[in-house]
Protein backbone atom coordinates (compact mmCIF):
# COMPACT_ATOMS: atom_id res chain seq x y z
CA MET A 1 -0.08 0.56 0.13
CA ARG A 2 2.97 2.58 0.64
CA VAL A 3 4.48 1.71 -2.62
CA LEU A 4 0.88 2.92 -4.63
CA LEU A 5 0.61 5.89 -2.37
CA GLU A 6 3.95 7.21 -3.08
CA HIS A 7 3.53 6.28 -6.63
CA VAL A 8 0.48 7.79 -6.96
CA ALA A 9 1.41 11.17 -4.39
CA GLN A 10 4.72 11.54 -6.92
CA ALA A 11 2.55 11.78 -9.41
CA LEU A 12 -0.76 14.15 -8.08
CA VAL A 13 2.36 16.64 -7.35
CA ASP A 14 4.93 19.72 -9.21
CA ASP A 15 8.16 17.90 -6.65
CA PRO A 16 7.89 14.70 -6.59
CA SER A 17 11.07 13.86 -4.48
CA ALA A 18 9.06 16.44 -1.26
CA VAL A 19 7.09 12.87 -0.83
CA VAL A 20 6.91 10.94 1.75
CA VAL A 21 5.30 8.04 3.09
CA THR A 22 5.63 6.18 6.78
CA GLU A 23 3.89 3.86 8.20
CA GLU A 24 2.55 2.72 10.96
CA LEU A 25 1.28 -0.90 11.42
CA ASP A 26 -0.76 -1.71 14.43
CA GLY A 27 -2.34 -5.51 14.82
CA ASP A 28 -4.17 -5.31 11.81
CA PHE A 29 -4.39 -1.94 10.56
CA THR A 30 -2.16 0.30 8.95
CA LYS A 31 -1.84 4.10 9.04
CA LEU A 32 -0.30 5.81 6.35
CA HIS A 33 0.32 9.75 6.66
CA LEU A 34 1.79 11.64 3.21
CA GLN A 35 4.09 15.07 3.15
CA VAL A 36 4.31 16.34 0.55
CA ALA A 37 5.76 19.59 -0.18
CA GLU A 38 3.17 23.00 0.82
CA PRO A 39 2.46 23.95 -2.48
CA ASP A 40 1.10 20.89 -3.76
CA VAL A 41 -1.02 19.77 -0.81
CA GLY A 42 -3.47 21.33 -3.08
CA LYS A 43 -3.01 19.05 -5.43
CA VAL A 44 -2.98 15.82 -3.54
CA ILE A 45 -6.02 16.88 -2.05
CA GLY A 46 -8.19 18.19 -4.38
CA ARG A 47 -11.26 19.99 -5.27
CA GLY A 48 -13.53 19.37 -2.55
CA GLY A 49 -11.57 16.41 -1.36
CA ARG A 50 -12.30 14.20 -3.98
CA ILE A 51 -8.40 13.43 -5.06
CA ALA A 52 -8.59 12.55 -1.20
CA LYS A 53 -11.18 10.16 -1.28
CA ALA A 54 -10.64 8.73 -3.98
CA ILE A 55 -6.51 7.76 -3.26
CA ARG A 56 -8.73 6.24 -0.11
CA ALA A 57 -10.74 4.37 -1.91
CA LEU A 58 -7.99 2.96 -3.83
CA LEU A 59 -5.81 2.47 -0.23
CA LYS A 60 -9.28 0.34 1.11
CA VAL A 61 -9.36 -1.56 -1.61
CA MET A 62 -6.36 -3.04 -1.82
CA ALA A 63 -6.69 -2.71 2.40
CA THR A 64 -9.77 -4.62 1.78
CA ARG A 65 -8.07 -7.69 0.15
CA ASP A 66 -5.17 -8.03 2.65
CA GLY A 67 -7.49 -8.61 5.55
CA THR A 68 -6.38 -5.52 6.89
CA LYS A 69 -7.58 -1.94 7.86
CA VAL A 70 -5.85 1.37 6.69
CA ASN A 71 -6.64 5.14 7.22
CA LEU A 72 -4.68 8.11 5.87
CA GLU A 73 -3.51 11.29 6.83
CA ILE A 74 -2.34 14.14 4.90
CA ASP A 75 0.10 16.24 5.87
């Protein structure tokens, strides 16, 4: 999941080298933190949060397939 999130985020932003994804595991729950450059935060969130919702939906599908749960925080 971490690799997918990193790849999608790098495709969306102007500065792909500033994308940092950290992952915390807690049993069957995974918490992902996405950090991007300040000017690129809006591109990752999208108008009305549409892009963030789409990314969360992709991660949820992957987590369900793996039998886990996932949470995404965008910093």
